[in-house]
C-alpha cells in the first residue's frame, strides 16, 4: 500500500509539472543581498574573490518560447527559427536569440510593465545559482547530483526541455544549470582577486558572458562557477537567457 501511494504521488507531481502555467511576464524570485566567494579554483579564469551584492530579483525560469512570442507579436519582431524536429512548445526556453535580442526583450518588459528589467550581471547570476544567502555550497545549482537539477547531454534527449521540470535550487529558481546557456550583461574578462561590490565585469571586450551549461553540454560545463562567452551577435540552439528586475 505504501509503494502504491508513493507511485500515486509521483504521478500527481508529474501531472502538476506538465500543467504548470507560465505567465506572459517572467516570474521573479527575490535574491536578498549578501557577500559570497565568486569563482573557483577549477579553471584559471574563475579566480576566487569576494563579491558583495545588493538585493535584486531574478527570473524563476529562463525566458520561454511563449513569453518571447508575446514580445515578438507586440513589436512585429520575427520569432527565432525553431530547431528542426524539436516539437517546441511555449514552455520551452527560447533559444536562437543573441545578446542584443535579449536586451531588447528586457527593454520591452520595462516599457510595458514598468520597472528596471535587464540581464543579470555575471556576479548576480552566480550568486543566484549558488542559492544566495541560503546556499548549501553545491557544485551545481541546487544539488551535487546534476541529474536532479539539470537537462544536459546525458539526459536531455538532444533538445531543450520544458522549464521547471527538474528540482529548484535553494531559492526556488529552476534551470540555472543545464537546459540553455544564459546571457549575462558583462563583457567576458578576468576577475582579479580583490573584493568587489556590485561588479559589472570588464569595461570592454569582444565577447559577452553566458552561464549555466545546456542540453548538449556535459557535466563540467554545468558547474555554478563555469564561465563561457561569445560575440553579442551569436545565435545558437543552446543559448537563451533569464531576466533580472532591479529593486
C-alpha atoms as a PDB file:
ATOM      1  CA  UNK A   1       0.000   0.000   0.000  1.00  0.00           C
ATOM      2  CA  UNK A   2       2.848   2.361   0.874  1.00  0.00           C
ATOM      3  CA  UNK A   3       4.509   1.823  -2.522  1.00  0.00           C
ATOM      4  CA  UNK A   4       1.163   2.371  -4.258  1.00  0.00           C
ATOM      5  CA  UNK A   5       0.675   5.714  -2.505  1.00  0.00           C
ATOM      6  CA  UNK A   6       4.216   6.781  -3.366  1.00  0.00           C
ATOM      7  CA  UNK A   7       3.565   5.925  -7.013  1.00  0.00           C
ATOM      8  CA  UNK A   8       0.384   7.993  -6.985  1.00  0.00           C
ATOM      9  CA  UNK A   9       2.299  10.916  -5.505  1.00  0.00           C
ATOM     10  CA  UNK A  10       4.962  10.705  -8.199  1.00  0.00           C
ATOM     11  CA  UNK A  11       2.330  10.558 -10.954  1.00  0.00           C
ATOM     12  CA  UNK A  12       0.461  13.514  -9.462  1.00  0.00           C
ATOM     13  CA  UNK A  13       3.697  15.509  -9.273  1.00  0.00           C
ATOM     14  CA  UNK A  14       4.487  14.807 -12.916  1.00  0.00           C
ATOM     15  CA  UNK A  15       0.986  15.854 -13.977  1.00  0.00           C
ATOM     16  CA  UNK A  16       1.258  19.064 -11.948  1.00  0.00           C
ATOM     17  CA  UNK A  17       4.581  19.874 -13.560  1.00  0.00           C
ATOM     18  CA  UNK A  18       3.193  19.294 -17.053  1.00  0.00           C
ATOM     19  CA  UNK A  19       0.280  21.627 -16.312  1.00  0.00           C
ATOM     20  CA  UNK A  20       2.398  24.445 -14.857  1.00  0.00           C
ATOM     21  CA  UNK A  21       1.169  27.761 -16.180  1.00  0.00           C
ATOM     22  CA  UNK A  22       3.925  30.051 -17.400  1.00  0.00           C
ATOM     23  CA  UNK A  23       2.687  33.681 -17.238  1.00  0.00           C
ATOM     24  CA  UNK A  24       3.256  36.153 -20.062  1.00  0.00           C
ATOM     25  CA  UNK A  25       5.556  38.231 -17.854  1.00  0.00           C
ATOM     26  CA  UNK A  26       8.520  36.366 -16.318  1.00  0.00           C
ATOM     27  CA  UNK A  27       8.092  35.427 -12.675  1.00  0.00           C
ATOM     28  CA  UNK A  28      10.956  36.607 -10.493  1.00  0.00           C
ATOM     29  CA  UNK A  29      12.469  35.390  -7.231  1.00  0.00           C
ATOM     30  CA  UNK A  30      13.847  37.833  -4.661  1.00  0.00           C
ATOM     31  CA  UNK A  31      17.570  37.421  -4.026  1.00  0.00           C
ATOM     32  CA  UNK A  32      18.492  39.193  -0.788  1.00  0.00           C
ATOM     33  CA  UNK A  33      21.805  40.994  -0.957  1.00  0.00           C
ATOM     34  CA  UNK A  34      24.870  39.412   0.586  1.00  0.00           C
ATOM     35  CA  UNK A  35      28.526  38.557   0.274  1.00  0.00           C
ATOM     36  CA  UNK A  36      29.892  35.381  -1.285  1.00  0.00           C
ATOM     37  CA  UNK A  37      33.031  33.919  -2.811  1.00  0.00           C
ATOM     38  CA  UNK A  38      32.628  34.095  -6.567  1.00  0.00           C
ATOM     39  CA  UNK A  39      34.572  31.755  -8.836  1.00  0.00           C
ATOM     40  CA  UNK A  40      36.550  28.623  -8.035  1.00  0.00           C
ATOM     41  CA  UNK A  41      39.983  27.056  -8.306  1.00  0.00           C
ATOM     42  CA  UNK A  42      38.916  24.633 -11.039  1.00  0.00           C
ATOM     43  CA  UNK A  43      39.685  26.868 -14.051  1.00  0.00           C
ATOM     44  CA  UNK A  44      42.230  29.674 -14.385  1.00  0.00           C
ATOM     45  CA  UNK A  45      39.526  32.123 -15.492  1.00  0.00           C
ATOM     46  CA  UNK A  46      37.468  31.522 -12.318  1.00  0.00           C
ATOM     47  CA  UNK A  47      39.735  33.255  -9.803  1.00  0.00           C
ATOM     48  CA  UNK A  48      38.002  33.146  -6.378  1.00  0.00           C
ATOM     49  CA  UNK A  49      37.265  36.572  -4.938  1.00  0.00           C
ATOM     50  CA  UNK A  50      34.808  38.172  -2.528  1.00  0.00           C
ATOM     51  CA  UNK A  51      31.744  39.857  -4.007  1.00  0.00           C
ATOM     52  CA  UNK A  52      29.046  41.842  -2.217  1.00  0.00           C
ATOM     53  CA  UNK A  53      25.722  42.354  -3.979  1.00  0.00           C
ATOM     54  CA  UNK A  54      22.664  44.474  -3.313  1.00  0.00           C
ATOM     55  CA  UNK A  55      19.199  42.914  -3.344  1.00  0.00           C
ATOM     56  CA  UNK A  56      17.629  42.108  -6.732  1.00  0.00           C
ATOM     57  CA  UNK A  57      15.082  39.739  -8.257  1.00  0.00           C
ATOM     58  CA  UNK A  58      15.880  37.174 -10.951  1.00  0.00           C
ATOM     59  CA  UNK A  59      13.758  35.056 -13.261  1.00  0.00           C
ATOM     60  CA  UNK A  60      12.343  31.910 -11.728  1.00  0.00           C
ATOM     61  CA  UNK A  61      12.875  30.241 -15.120  1.00  0.00           C
ATOM     62  CA  UNK A  62      14.692  31.100 -18.323  1.00  0.00           C
ATOM     63  CA  UNK A  63      12.519  33.208 -20.641  1.00  0.00           C
ATOM     64  CA  UNK A  64      10.223  30.823 -22.502  1.00  0.00           C
ATOM     65  CA  UNK A  65       9.118  30.482 -26.092  1.00  0.00           C
ATOM     66  CA  UNK A  66       5.631  31.684 -25.141  1.00  0.00           C
ATOM     67  CA  UNK A  67       6.908  34.766 -23.327  1.00  0.00           C
ATOM     68  CA  UNK A  68       9.228  35.724 -26.151  1.00  0.00           C
ATOM     69  CA  UNK A  69       6.466  35.103 -28.685  1.00  0.00           C
ATOM     70  CA  UNK A  70       4.285  37.722 -26.939  1.00  0.00           C
ATOM     71  CA  UNK A  71       7.111  40.248 -27.277  1.00  0.00           C
ATOM     72  CA  UNK A  72       7.597  39.389 -30.954  1.00  0.00           C
ATOM     73  CA  UNK A  73       3.893  39.786 -31.665  1.00  0.00           C
ATOM     74  CA  UNK A  74       3.714  43.123 -29.844  1.00  0.00           C
ATOM     75  CA  UNK A  75       6.768  44.569 -31.599  1.00  0.00           C
ATOM     76  CA  UNK A  76       6.406  42.921 -35.026  1.00  0.00           C
ATOM     77  CA  UNK A  77       9.723  41.167 -34.437  1.00  0.00           C
ATOM     78  CA  UNK A  78      10.434  37.885 -36.208  1.00  0.00           C
ATOM     79  CA  UNK A  79      10.461  34.839 -33.951  1.00  0.00           C
ATOM     80  CA  UNK A  80      13.742  32.929 -33.830  1.00  0.00           C
ATOM     81  CA  UNK A  81      13.889  29.829 -36.008  1.00  0.00           C
ATOM     82  CA  UNK A  82      12.620  26.694 -34.304  1.00  0.00           C
ATOM     83  CA  UNK A  83      15.213  23.922 -34.346  1.00  0.00           C
ATOM     84  CA  UNK A  84      14.110  21.144 -36.702  1.00  0.00           C
ATOM     85  CA  UNK A  85      12.069  18.270 -35.254  1.00  0.00           C
ATOM     86  CA  UNK A  86      12.190  19.569 -31.688  1.00  0.00           C
ATOM     87  CA  UNK A  87       8.474  19.886 -31.083  1.00  0.00           C
ATOM     88  CA  UNK A  88       8.911  23.271 -29.428  1.00  0.00           C
ATOM     89  CA  UNK A  89       6.138  24.385 -27.107  1.00  0.00           C
ATOM     90  CA  UNK A  90       5.508  27.621 -25.231  1.00  0.00           C
ATOM     91  CA  UNK A  91       7.052  26.228 -22.031  1.00  0.00           C
ATOM     92  CA  UNK A  92      10.448  25.517 -23.553  1.00  0.00           C
ATOM     93  CA  UNK A  93      13.212  28.087 -23.030  1.00  0.00           C
ATOM     94  CA  UNK A  94      13.664  30.376 -26.010  1.00  0.00           C
ATOM     95  CA  UNK A  95      16.876  29.812 -27.996  1.00  0.00           C
ATOM     96  CA  UNK A  96      18.443  31.255 -31.144  1.00  0.00           C
ATOM     97  CA  UNK A  97      18.443  34.707 -29.532  1.00  0.00           C
ATOM     98  CA  UNK A  98      21.596  36.812 -29.456  1.00  0.00           C
ATOM     99  CA  UNK A  99      22.684  39.195 -26.715  1.00  0.00           C
ATOM    100  CA  UNK A 100      21.065  42.200 -28.393  1.00  0.00           C
ATOM    101  CA  UNK A 101      17.778  40.315 -28.772  1.00  0.00           C
ATOM    102  CA  UNK A 102      17.809  39.558 -25.050  1.00  0.00           C
ATOM    103  CA  UNK A 103      18.489  43.204 -24.171  1.00  0.00           C
ATOM    104  CA  UNK A 104      15.663  44.348 -26.460  1.00  0.00           C
ATOM    105  CA  UNK A 105      13.256  41.949 -24.724  1.00  0.00           C
ATOM    106  CA  UNK A 106      14.259  43.312 -21.310  1.00  0.00           C
ATOM    107  CA  UNK A 107      13.718  46.877 -22.515  1.00  0.00           C
ATOM    108  CA  UNK A 108      10.264  45.924 -23.790  1.00  0.00           C
ATOM    109  CA  UNK A 109       9.366  44.453 -20.394  1.00  0.00           C
ATOM    110  CA  UNK A 110      10.218  47.772 -18.754  1.00  0.00           C
ATOM    111  CA  UNK A 111       8.190  49.746 -21.276  1.00  0.00           C
ATOM    112  CA  UNK A 112       5.125  47.525 -20.858  1.00  0.00           C
ATOM    113  CA  UNK A 113       5.205  46.525 -17.211  1.00  0.00           C
ATOM    114  CA  UNK A 114       7.333  49.210 -15.576  1.00  0.00           C
ATOM    115  CA  UNK A 115      10.487  48.629 -13.550  1.00  0.00           C
ATOM    116  CA  UNK A 116      14.135  48.169 -14.437  1.00  0.00           C
ATOM    117  CA  UNK A 117      14.252  44.882 -16.353  1.00  0.00           C
ATOM    118  CA  UNK A 118      17.648  43.777 -17.639  1.00  0.00           C
ATOM    119  CA  UNK A 119      20.022  40.867 -17.987  1.00  0.00           C
ATOM    120  CA  UNK A 120      21.812  39.733 -14.829  1.00  0.00           C
ATOM    121  CA  UNK A 121      25.390  40.694 -14.192  1.00  0.00           C
ATOM    122  CA  UNK A 122      27.664  37.678 -14.092  1.00  0.00           C
ATOM    123  CA  UNK A 123      28.004  38.064 -10.326  1.00  0.00           C
ATOM    124  CA  UNK A 124      24.223  38.241  -9.852  1.00  0.00           C
ATOM    125  CA  UNK A 125      23.780  35.146 -11.979  1.00  0.00           C
ATOM    126  CA  UNK A 126      26.328  33.145  -9.987  1.00  0.00           C
ATOM    127  CA  UNK A 127      25.065  34.288  -6.572  1.00  0.00           C
ATOM    128  CA  UNK A 128      21.518  33.272  -7.515  1.00  0.00           C
ATOM    129  CA  UNK A 129      22.717  29.970  -8.979  1.00  0.00           C
ATOM    130  CA  UNK A 130      24.568  29.204  -5.743  1.00  0.00           C
ATOM    131  CA  UNK A 131      21.388  29.764  -3.726  1.00  0.00           C
ATOM    132  CA  UNK A 132      22.168  33.258  -2.449  1.00  0.00           C
ATOM    133  CA  UNK A 133      22.283  33.553   1.322  1.00  0.00           C
ATOM    134  CA  UNK A 134      20.618  30.125   1.586  1.00  0.00           C
ATOM    135  CA  UNK A 135      23.415  28.381  -0.292  1.00  0.00           C
ATOM    136  CA  UNK A 136      24.362  24.850   0.681  1.00  0.00           C
ATOM    137  CA  UNK A 137      27.572  25.055  -1.309  1.00  0.00           C
ATOM    138  CA  UNK A 138      26.520  22.738  -4.125  1.00  0.00           C
ATOM    139  CA  UNK A 139      28.626  22.210  -7.244  1.00  0.00           C
ATOM    140  CA  UNK A 140      25.564  22.666  -9.468  1.00  0.00           C
ATOM    141  CA  UNK A 141      22.596  24.926  -8.891  1.00  0.00           C
ATOM    142  CA  UNK A 142      20.604  23.132  -6.206  1.00  0.00           C
ATOM    143  CA  UNK A 143      22.459  19.825  -5.910  1.00  0.00           C
ATOM    144  CA  UNK A 144      25.702  17.900  -6.188  1.00  0.00           C
ATOM    145  CA  UNK A 145      23.780  15.404  -8.336  1.00  0.00           C
ATOM    146  CA  UNK A 146      23.417  17.036 -11.747  1.00  0.00           C
ATOM    147  CA  UNK A 147      20.582  14.745 -12.833  1.00  0.00           C
ATOM    148  CA  UNK A 148      18.408  16.175 -10.046  1.00  0.00           C
ATOM    149  CA  UNK A 149      18.578  19.743 -11.299  1.00  0.00           C
ATOM    150  CA  UNK A 150      19.645  19.869 -14.940  1.00  0.00           C
ATOM    151  CA  UNK A 151      18.953  18.852 -18.508  1.00  0.00           C
ATOM    152  CA  UNK A 152      22.338  18.209 -20.072  1.00  0.00           C
ATOM    153  CA  UNK A 153      23.992  15.989 -22.695  1.00  0.00           C
ATOM    154  CA  UNK A 154      23.372  12.729 -20.819  1.00  0.00           C
ATOM    155  CA  UNK A 155      19.640  13.131 -20.172  1.00  0.00           C
ATOM    156  CA  UNK A 156      18.114  15.852 -22.379  1.00  0.00           C
ATOM    157  CA  UNK A 157      17.418  13.729 -25.434  1.00  0.00           C
ATOM    158  CA  UNK A 158      19.158  16.101 -27.815  1.00  0.00           C
ATOM    159  CA  UNK A 159      16.974  19.180 -27.246  1.00  0.00           C
ATOM    160  CA  UNK A 160      15.699  21.675 -24.700  1.00  0.00           C
ATOM    161  CA  UNK A 161      13.070  20.627 -22.186  1.00  0.00           C
ATOM    162  CA  UNK A 162      10.088  22.335 -20.552  1.00  0.00           C
ATOM    163  CA  UNK A 163      11.291  24.704 -17.831  1.00  0.00           C
ATOM    164  CA  UNK A 164      10.703  23.848 -14.181  1.00  0.00           C
ATOM    165  CA  UNK A 165      10.657  20.062 -14.538  1.00  0.00           C
ATOM    166  CA  UNK A 166      13.808  19.493 -12.526  1.00  0.00           C
ATOM    167  CA  UNK A 167      14.427  20.319  -8.866  1.00  0.00           C
ATOM    168  CA  UNK A 168      14.846  24.003  -8.000  1.00  0.00           C
ATOM    169  CA  UNK A 169      17.790  25.392  -6.085  1.00  0.00           C
ATOM    170  CA  UNK A 170      17.711  26.725  -2.520  1.00  0.00           C
ATOM    171  CA  UNK A 171      15.943  29.934  -3.601  1.00  0.00           C
ATOM    172  CA  UNK A 172      13.281  28.224  -5.698  1.00  0.00           C
ATOM    173  CA  UNK A 173      14.968  29.058  -9.024  1.00  0.00           C
ATOM    174  CA  UNK A 174      14.882  26.483 -11.823  1.00  0.00           C
ATOM    175  CA  UNK A 175      17.147  25.543 -14.739  1.00  0.00           C
ATOM    176  CA  UNK A 176      20.163  27.555 -13.649  1.00  0.00           C
ATOM    177  CA  UNK A 177      22.288  24.528 -14.501  1.00  0.00           C
ATOM    178  CA  UNK A 178      21.646  22.986 -17.910  1.00  0.00           C
ATOM    179  CA  UNK A 179      18.789  23.311 -20.412  1.00  0.00           C
ATOM    180  CA  UNK A 180      20.147  26.522 -22.012  1.00  0.00           C
ATOM    181  CA  UNK A 181      23.146  28.765 -21.611  1.00  0.00           C
ATOM    182  CA  UNK A 182      22.027  32.171 -20.321  1.00  0.00           C
ATOM    183  CA  UNK A 183      23.320  35.541 -21.451  1.00  0.00           C
ATOM    184  CA  UNK A 184      24.716  37.902 -18.804  1.00  0.00           C
ATOM    185  CA  UNK A 185      25.229  41.616 -19.268  1.00  0.00           C
ATOM    186  CA  UNK A 186      29.012  41.560 -18.726  1.00  0.00           C
ATOM    187  CA  UNK A 187      31.788  41.607 -21.255  1.00  0.00           C
ATOM    188  CA  UNK A 188      33.910  38.499 -20.843  1.00  0.00           C
ATOM    189  CA  UNK A 189      37.087  39.255 -18.892  1.00  0.00           C
ATOM    190  CA  UNK A 190      39.190  38.058 -15.971  1.00  0.00           C
ATOM    191  CA  UNK A 191      38.056  38.732 -12.411  1.00  0.00           C
ATOM    192  CA  UNK A 192      41.138  39.644 -10.437  1.00  0.00           C
ATOM    193  CA  UNK A 193      41.436  38.768  -6.746  1.00  0.00           C
ATOM    194  CA  UNK A 194      40.293  41.929  -4.969  1.00  0.00           C
ATOM    195  CA  UNK A 195      36.958  42.197  -3.187  1.00  0.00           C
ATOM    196  CA  UNK A 196      34.235  43.888  -5.248  1.00  0.00           C
ATOM    197  CA  UNK A 197      30.802  45.389  -4.660  1.00  0.00           C
ATOM    198  CA  UNK A 198      28.114  45.079  -7.352  1.00  0.00           C
ATOM    199  CA  UNK A 199      30.706  44.360 -10.072  1.00  0.00           C
ATOM    200  CA  UNK A 200      29.753  44.851 -13.713  1.00  0.00           C
ATOM    201  CA  UNK A 201      32.645  42.990 -15.314  1.00  0.00           C
ATOM    202  CA  UNK A 202      35.147  44.174 -17.880  1.00  0.00           C
ATOM    203  CA  UNK A 203      34.646  47.644 -19.345  1.00  0.00           C
ATOM    204  CA  UNK A 204      35.031  46.379 -22.911  1.00  0.00           C
ATOM    205  CA  UNK A 205      35.653  43.228 -24.893  1.00  0.00           C
ATOM    206  CA  UNK A 206      34.617  41.171 -27.884  1.00  0.00           C
ATOM    207  CA  UNK A 207      32.507  38.515 -26.136  1.00  0.00           C
ATOM    208  CA  UNK A 208      29.562  38.668 -23.761  1.00  0.00           C
ATOM    209  CA  UNK A 209      29.333  36.168 -20.920  1.00  0.00           C
ATOM    210  CA  UNK A 210      26.828  33.345 -20.791  1.00  0.00           C
ATOM    211  CA  UNK A 211      26.453  30.864 -17.953  1.00  0.00           C
ATOM    212  CA  UNK A 212      24.924  27.589 -16.840  1.00  0.00           C
ATOM    213  CA  UNK A 213      25.622  24.866 -19.375  1.00  0.00           C
ATOM    214  CA  UNK A 214      22.996  23.469 -21.725  1.00  0.00           C
ATOM    215  CA  UNK A 215      21.149  20.452 -23.073  1.00  0.00           C
ATOM    216  CA  UNK A 216      24.047  19.455 -25.343  1.00  0.00           C
ATOM    217  CA  UNK A 217      26.979  20.073 -22.989  1.00  0.00           C
ATOM    218  CA  UNK A 218      28.423  17.677 -20.420  1.00  0.00           C
ATOM    219  CA  UNK A 219      28.812  17.695 -16.667  1.00  0.00           C
ATOM    220  CA  UNK A 220      31.827  20.057 -16.262  1.00  0.00           C
ATOM    221  CA  UNK A 221      30.055  22.922 -18.045  1.00  0.00           C
ATOM    222  CA  UNK A 222      27.090  22.954 -15.655  1.00  0.00           C
ATOM    223  CA  UNK A 223      29.049  23.979 -12.554  1.00  0.00           C
ATOM    224  CA  UNK A 224      27.826  27.223 -10.991  1.00  0.00           C
ATOM    225  CA  UNK A 225      31.276  28.792 -11.420  1.00  0.00           C
ATOM    226  CA  UNK A 226      31.851  27.782 -15.045  1.00  0.00           C
ATOM    227  CA  UNK A 227      32.222  30.702 -17.466  1.00  0.00           C
ATOM    228  CA  UNK A 228      31.716  30.858 -21.185  1.00  0.00           C
ATOM    229  CA  UNK A 229      31.092  33.585 -23.733  1.00  0.00           C
ATOM    230  CA  UNK A 230      30.711  34.559 -27.359  1.00  0.00           C
ATOM    231  CA  UNK A 231      30.158  37.578 -29.567  1.00  0.00           C
ATOM    232  CA  UNK A 232      26.952  39.535 -28.886  1.00  0.00           C
ATOM    233  CA  UNK A 233      25.528  38.650 -32.312  1.00  0.00           C
ATOM    234  CA  UNK A 234      25.892  34.905 -31.726  1.00  0.00           C
ATOM    235  CA  UNK A 235      22.709  32.856 -32.069  1.00  0.00           C
ATOM    236  CA  UNK A 236      22.769  29.184 -31.159  1.00  0.00           C
ATOM    237  CA  UNK A 237      20.209  26.475 -30.443  1.00  0.00           C
ATOM    238  CA  UNK A 238      21.583  26.159 -26.916  1.00  0.00           C
ATOM    239  CA  UNK A 239      21.697  29.827 -25.815  1.00  0.00           C
ATOM    240  CA  UNK A 240      18.789  31.601 -24.123  1.00  0.00           C
ATOM    241  CA  UNK A 241      18.526  33.988 -21.184  1.00  0.00           C
ATOM    242  CA  UNK A 242      16.745  34.924 -17.971  1.00  0.00           C
ATOM    243  CA  UNK A 243      15.941  38.375 -16.660  1.00  0.00           C
ATOM    244  CA  UNK A 244      16.626  40.487 -13.601  1.00  0.00           C
ATOM    245  CA  UNK A 245      14.303  43.068 -12.067  1.00  0.00           C
ATOM    246  CA  UNK A 246      16.289  45.637 -10.107  1.00  0.00           C
ATOM    247  CA  UNK A 247      14.997  46.699  -6.686  1.00  0.00           C
END
